[in-house]
Amino acid sequence: MYGIPADETFDFFEGRRLDAVTFGRYKVSLFFDEGVGLDVEGPLAVTVPGGDERSAEDSRALAAPLLDLLALTVTAVGVDAPSSLALTFENGTVVRAIDDLGPYECFDVHHGERIWIM
């Protein structure tokens, strides 16, 4: 909706453990320890080690690789402002939230009481 601010790093994801993944009709949510979360209502992409990036607007198509990340830790965060946020996990899998729906909200990030809407 607003895009990622050019100076935002979201570095608080680094070192966070993925505790839960929930699926809804129009949203997938990733819940990490320490009050960190990512809700994706738009396109989501997953790249497993040695594989090509798989992108889907219906998160059910990416359920298996997302569930494989449970209890794993984020080791790196990549921001391609204003359009995407990529989280790299300890097993090498990359999850990328993509903001490409124009005026509509695609994903939001939660860190404690703070919320960023993209």
C-alpha atoms as a PDB file:
ATOM      1  CA  MET A   1       0.000   0.000   0.000  1.00  0.00           C
ATOM      2  CA  TYR A   2       2.713   2.456   1.004  1.00  0.00           C
ATOM      3  CA  GLY A   3       5.812   0.503   0.042  1.00  0.00           C
ATOM      4  CA  ILE A   4       8.829  -0.118   2.225  1.00  0.00           C
ATOM      5  CA  PRO A   5      10.560   3.073   3.388  1.00  0.00           C
ATOM      6  CA  ALA A   6      13.976   3.453   1.738  1.00  0.00           C
ATOM      7  CA  ASP A   7      15.809   3.615   5.082  1.00  0.00           C
ATOM      8  CA  GLU A   8      14.052   0.633   6.725  1.00  0.00           C
ATOM      9  CA  THR A   9      16.157  -2.479   7.395  1.00  0.00           C
ATOM     10  CA  PHE A  10      13.812  -4.655   9.497  1.00  0.00           C
ATOM     11  CA  ASP A  11      16.982  -6.005  11.087  1.00  0.00           C
ATOM     12  CA  PHE A  12      15.008  -7.050  14.179  1.00  0.00           C
ATOM     13  CA  PHE A  13      14.028 -10.216  12.232  1.00  0.00           C
ATOM     14  CA  GLU A  14      17.635 -11.462  12.467  1.00  0.00           C
ATOM     15  CA  GLY A  15      17.991 -14.089  15.158  1.00  0.00           C
ATOM     16  CA  ARG A  16      14.224 -14.563  15.510  1.00  0.00           C
ATOM     17  CA  ARG A  17      12.841 -18.123  15.573  1.00  0.00           C
ATOM     18  CA  LEU A  18       9.719 -18.974  13.567  1.00  0.00           C
ATOM     19  CA  ASP A  19       7.174 -20.248  16.094  1.00  0.00           C
ATOM     20  CA  ALA A  20       3.961 -20.493  14.039  1.00  0.00           C
ATOM     21  CA  VAL A  21       2.593 -20.287  10.513  1.00  0.00           C
ATOM     22  CA  THR A  22      -1.136 -19.718  10.021  1.00  0.00           C
ATOM     23  CA  PHE A  23      -3.129 -19.825   6.817  1.00  0.00           C
ATOM     24  CA  GLY A  24      -6.326 -17.954   6.041  1.00  0.00           C
ATOM     25  CA  ARG A  25      -8.324 -17.547   2.890  1.00  0.00           C
ATOM     26  CA  TYR A  26      -6.484 -14.368   1.936  1.00  0.00           C
ATOM     27  CA  LYS A  27      -3.544 -14.247   4.338  1.00  0.00           C
ATOM     28  CA  VAL A  28      -0.589 -16.223   5.636  1.00  0.00           C
ATOM     29  CA  SER A  29       0.996 -15.135   8.914  1.00  0.00           C
ATOM     30  CA  LEU A  30       4.465 -15.933  10.201  1.00  0.00           C
ATOM     31  CA  PHE A  31       4.867 -15.524  13.969  1.00  0.00           C
ATOM     32  CA  PHE A  32       8.349 -15.269  15.440  1.00  0.00           C
ATOM     33  CA  ASP A  33       9.574 -15.105  19.008  1.00  0.00           C
ATOM     34  CA  GLU A  34       9.962 -11.746  20.777  1.00  0.00           C
ATOM     35  CA  GLY A  35       6.741 -10.288  19.298  1.00  0.00           C
ATOM     36  CA  VAL A  36       7.887 -10.186  15.674  1.00  0.00           C
ATOM     37  CA  GLY A  37       5.475 -11.108  12.879  1.00  0.00           C
ATOM     38  CA  LEU A  38       4.804 -10.911   9.159  1.00  0.00           C
ATOM     39  CA  ASP A  39       1.275 -10.988   7.693  1.00  0.00           C
ATOM     40  CA  VAL A  40       1.155 -11.445   3.911  1.00  0.00           C
ATOM     41  CA  GLU A  41      -2.038 -10.663   2.010  1.00  0.00           C
ATOM     42  CA  GLY A  42      -0.421 -10.401  -1.415  1.00  0.00           C
ATOM     43  CA  PRO A  43       2.163 -12.337  -3.393  1.00  0.00           C
ATOM     44  CA  LEU A  44       4.616 -14.490  -1.466  1.00  0.00           C
ATOM     45  CA  ALA A  45       7.703 -16.224  -2.835  1.00  0.00           C
ATOM     46  CA  VAL A  46       9.816 -19.046  -1.396  1.00  0.00           C
ATOM     47  CA  THR A  47      13.216 -20.230  -2.601  1.00  0.00           C
ATOM     48  CA  VAL A  48      14.530 -23.465  -1.117  1.00  0.00           C
ATOM     49  CA  PRO A  49      18.260 -24.219  -1.338  1.00  0.00           C
ATOM     50  CA  GLY A  50      19.128 -25.445  -4.821  1.00  0.00           C
ATOM     51  CA  GLY A  51      15.686 -24.533  -6.170  1.00  0.00           C
ATOM     52  CA  ASP A  52      14.065 -21.765  -8.135  1.00  0.00           C
ATOM     53  CA  GLU A  53      11.912 -19.103  -6.519  1.00  0.00           C
ATOM     54  CA  ARG A  54       8.261 -20.190  -6.334  1.00  0.00           C
ATOM     55  CA  SER A  55       5.757 -17.366  -6.116  1.00  0.00           C
ATOM     56  CA  ALA A  56       2.069 -17.657  -5.344  1.00  0.00           C
ATOM     57  CA  GLU A  57      -0.831 -15.416  -4.423  1.00  0.00           C
ATOM     58  CA  ASP A  58      -2.506 -18.446  -2.817  1.00  0.00           C
ATOM     59  CA  SER A  59      -0.235 -19.339   0.089  1.00  0.00           C
ATOM     60  CA  ARG A  60      -1.524 -22.926   0.198  1.00  0.00           C
ATOM     61  CA  ALA A  61       0.727 -23.609  -2.793  1.00  0.00           C
ATOM     62  CA  LEU A  62       3.715 -22.785  -0.566  1.00  0.00           C
ATOM     63  CA  ALA A  63       2.521 -24.518   2.618  1.00  0.00           C
ATOM     64  CA  ALA A  64       5.092 -27.341   2.692  1.00  0.00           C
ATOM     65  CA  PRO A  65       8.235 -25.181   2.447  1.00  0.00           C
ATOM     66  CA  LEU A  66       6.798 -22.646   4.900  1.00  0.00           C
ATOM     67  CA  LEU A  67       5.953 -25.306   7.477  1.00  0.00           C
ATOM     68  CA  ASP A  68       9.465 -26.754   7.098  1.00  0.00           C
ATOM     69  CA  LEU A  69      10.750 -23.468   8.543  1.00  0.00           C
ATOM     70  CA  LEU A  70       9.088 -23.924  11.940  1.00  0.00           C
ATOM     71  CA  ALA A  71      11.600 -23.596  14.800  1.00  0.00           C
ATOM     72  CA  LEU A  72      14.285 -22.255  12.418  1.00  0.00           C
ATOM     73  CA  THR A  73      15.986 -18.886  12.865  1.00  0.00           C
ATOM     74  CA  VAL A  74      16.233 -15.945  10.471  1.00  0.00           C
ATOM     75  CA  THR A  75      19.893 -15.352   9.638  1.00  0.00           C
ATOM     76  CA  ALA A  76      19.585 -12.425   7.193  1.00  0.00           C
ATOM     77  CA  VAL A  77      17.101  -9.784   6.103  1.00  0.00           C
ATOM     78  CA  GLY A  78      17.024  -8.202   2.654  1.00  0.00           C
ATOM     79  CA  VAL A  79      14.999  -5.124   1.743  1.00  0.00           C
ATOM     80  CA  ASP A  80      14.407  -4.143  -1.858  1.00  0.00           C
ATOM     81  CA  ALA A  81      12.639  -0.852  -1.163  1.00  0.00           C
ATOM     82  CA  PRO A  82       9.909  -0.152  -1.879  1.00  0.00           C
ATOM     83  CA  SER A  83       8.762  -3.526  -3.172  1.00  0.00           C
ATOM     84  CA  SER A  84       9.935  -6.556  -1.169  1.00  0.00           C
ATOM     85  CA  LEU A  85      11.182  -7.943   2.117  1.00  0.00           C
ATOM     86  CA  ALA A  86      13.235 -11.160   2.089  1.00  0.00           C
ATOM     87  CA  LEU A  87      13.983 -13.327   5.132  1.00  0.00           C
ATOM     88  CA  THR A  88      16.756 -15.919   4.877  1.00  0.00           C
ATOM     89  CA  PHE A  89      16.505 -18.831   7.312  1.00  0.00           C
ATOM     90  CA  GLU A  90      19.307 -20.939   8.785  1.00  0.00           C
ATOM     91  CA  ASN A  91      18.637 -23.768   6.306  1.00  0.00           C
ATOM     92  CA  GLY A  92      19.108 -21.374   3.354  1.00  0.00           C
ATOM     93  CA  THR A  93      15.426 -20.977   2.468  1.00  0.00           C
ATOM     94  CA  VAL A  94      14.389 -17.444   1.505  1.00  0.00           C
ATOM     95  CA  VAL A  95      10.857 -16.159   2.059  1.00  0.00           C
ATOM     96  CA  ARG A  96      10.007 -12.963   0.192  1.00  0.00           C
ATOM     97  CA  ALA A  97       6.927 -10.776   0.749  1.00  0.00           C
ATOM     98  CA  ILE A  98       6.193  -8.732  -2.363  1.00  0.00           C
ATOM     99  CA  ASP A  99       4.381  -5.384  -2.538  1.00  0.00           C
ATOM    100  CA  ASP A 100       2.949  -5.237  -6.052  1.00  0.00           C
ATOM    101  CA  LEU A 101      -0.778  -4.650  -5.650  1.00  0.00           C
ATOM    102  CA  GLY A 102      -0.700  -0.902  -6.254  1.00  0.00           C
ATOM    103  CA  PRO A 103      -2.942   0.921  -3.790  1.00  0.00           C
ATOM    104  CA  TYR A 104      -3.785  -2.221  -1.823  1.00  0.00           C
ATOM    105  CA  GLU A 105      -2.109  -3.560   1.310  1.00  0.00           C
ATOM    106  CA  CYS A 106       0.173  -6.519   0.509  1.00  0.00           C
ATOM    107  CA  PHE A 107       1.869  -7.264   3.819  1.00  0.00           C
ATOM    108  CA  ASP A 108       2.546  -5.861   7.229  1.00  0.00           C
ATOM    109  CA  VAL A 109       5.317  -6.273   9.754  1.00  0.00           C
ATOM    110  CA  HIS A 110       4.849  -6.359  13.520  1.00  0.00           C
ATOM    111  CA  HIS A 111       7.537  -5.700  16.103  1.00  0.00           C
ATOM    112  CA  GLY A 112       6.119  -5.342  19.586  1.00  0.00           C
ATOM    113  CA  GLU A 113       3.742  -2.400  19.475  1.00  0.00           C
ATOM    114  CA  ARG A 114       4.990  -1.128  16.084  1.00  0.00           C
ATOM    115  CA  ILE A 115       3.291  -2.015  12.791  1.00  0.00           C
ATOM    116  CA  TRP A 116       4.466  -1.219   9.255  1.00  0.00           C
ATOM    117  CA  ILE A 117       1.864  -1.554   6.487  1.00  0.00           C
ATOM    118  CA  MET A 118       3.059  -2.139   2.932  1.00  0.00           C
END
